[in-house]
């Protein structure tokens, strides 16, 4: 886990706290789920 964090620190140039990382992951997951659900509901409406 420390290796991943150090890679992120190199990319962004500053240390990122774990909670900020988890918030970012959570937002991405929610957006992906929203797109999947939207596509699913659109398909259901066609039928």
C-alpha atoms as a PDB file:
ATOM      1  CA  UNK A   1       0.000   0.000   0.000  1.00  0.00           C
ATOM      2  CA  UNK A   2       2.873   2.355   0.779  1.00  0.00           C
ATOM      3  CA  UNK A   3       4.282   1.772  -2.719  1.00  0.00           C
ATOM      4  CA  UNK A   4       1.000   2.868  -4.334  1.00  0.00           C
ATOM      5  CA  UNK A   5       0.888   6.005  -2.193  1.00  0.00           C
ATOM      6  CA  UNK A   6       4.478   6.947  -3.065  1.00  0.00           C
ATOM      7  CA  UNK A   7       3.674   6.559  -6.790  1.00  0.00           C
ATOM      8  CA  UNK A   8       0.713   8.921  -6.349  1.00  0.00           C
ATOM      9  CA  UNK A   9       2.926  11.346  -4.448  1.00  0.00           C
ATOM     10  CA  UNK A  10       5.371  11.349  -7.376  1.00  0.00           C
ATOM     11  CA  UNK A  11       2.555  11.917  -9.882  1.00  0.00           C
ATOM     12  CA  UNK A  12       0.865  14.766  -8.009  1.00  0.00           C
ATOM     13  CA  UNK A  13       3.928  16.174  -6.273  1.00  0.00           C
ATOM     14  CA  UNK A  14       2.326  16.115  -2.812  1.00  0.00           C
ATOM     15  CA  UNK A  15       1.160  13.421  -0.384  1.00  0.00           C
ATOM     16  CA  UNK A  16      -2.515  12.506  -0.660  1.00  0.00           C
ATOM     17  CA  UNK A  17      -4.327  11.410   2.521  1.00  0.00           C
ATOM     18  CA  UNK A  18      -6.056   8.025   2.413  1.00  0.00           C
ATOM     19  CA  UNK A  19      -9.540   9.469   2.942  1.00  0.00           C
ATOM     20  CA  UNK A  20      -9.159  11.747  -0.103  1.00  0.00           C
ATOM     21  CA  UNK A  21      -8.095   8.734  -2.169  1.00  0.00           C
ATOM     22  CA  UNK A  22     -11.150   6.740  -1.031  1.00  0.00           C
ATOM     23  CA  UNK A  23     -13.475   9.684  -1.751  1.00  0.00           C
ATOM     24  CA  UNK A  24     -12.062   9.877  -5.276  1.00  0.00           C
ATOM     25  CA  UNK A  25     -12.518   6.134  -5.809  1.00  0.00           C
ATOM     26  CA  UNK A  26     -16.065   6.330  -4.414  1.00  0.00           C
ATOM     27  CA  UNK A  27     -17.013   9.171  -6.761  1.00  0.00           C
ATOM     28  CA  UNK A  28     -15.639   7.307  -9.790  1.00  0.00           C
ATOM     29  CA  UNK A  29     -17.522   4.130  -8.812  1.00  0.00           C
ATOM     30  CA  UNK A  30     -20.779   6.069  -8.330  1.00  0.00           C
ATOM     31  CA  UNK A  31     -20.420   7.762 -11.727  1.00  0.00           C
ATOM     32  CA  UNK A  32     -19.761   4.431 -13.457  1.00  0.00           C
ATOM     33  CA  UNK A  33     -22.744   2.820 -11.714  1.00  0.00           C
ATOM     34  CA  UNK A  34     -24.961   5.775 -12.678  1.00  0.00           C
ATOM     35  CA  UNK A  35     -24.000   5.381 -16.361  1.00  0.00           C
ATOM     36  CA  UNK A  36     -24.647   1.610 -16.244  1.00  0.00           C
ATOM     37  CA  UNK A  37     -28.039   2.078 -14.567  1.00  0.00           C
ATOM     38  CA  UNK A  38     -29.015   4.846 -17.003  1.00  0.00           C
ATOM     39  CA  UNK A  39     -28.182   2.616 -19.969  1.00  0.00           C
ATOM     40  CA  UNK A  40     -30.064  -0.291 -18.373  1.00  0.00           C
ATOM     41  CA  UNK A  41     -33.208   1.807 -17.774  1.00  0.00           C
ATOM     42  CA  UNK A  42     -33.074   3.192 -21.326  1.00  0.00           C
ATOM     43  CA  UNK A  43     -32.964  -0.375 -22.682  1.00  0.00           C
ATOM     44  CA  UNK A  44     -35.920  -1.370 -20.486  1.00  0.00           C
ATOM     45  CA  UNK A  45     -37.973   1.589 -21.767  1.00  0.00           C
ATOM     46  CA  UNK A  46     -37.401   0.516 -25.402  1.00  0.00           C
ATOM     47  CA  UNK A  47     -38.916  -2.906 -24.679  1.00  0.00           C
END
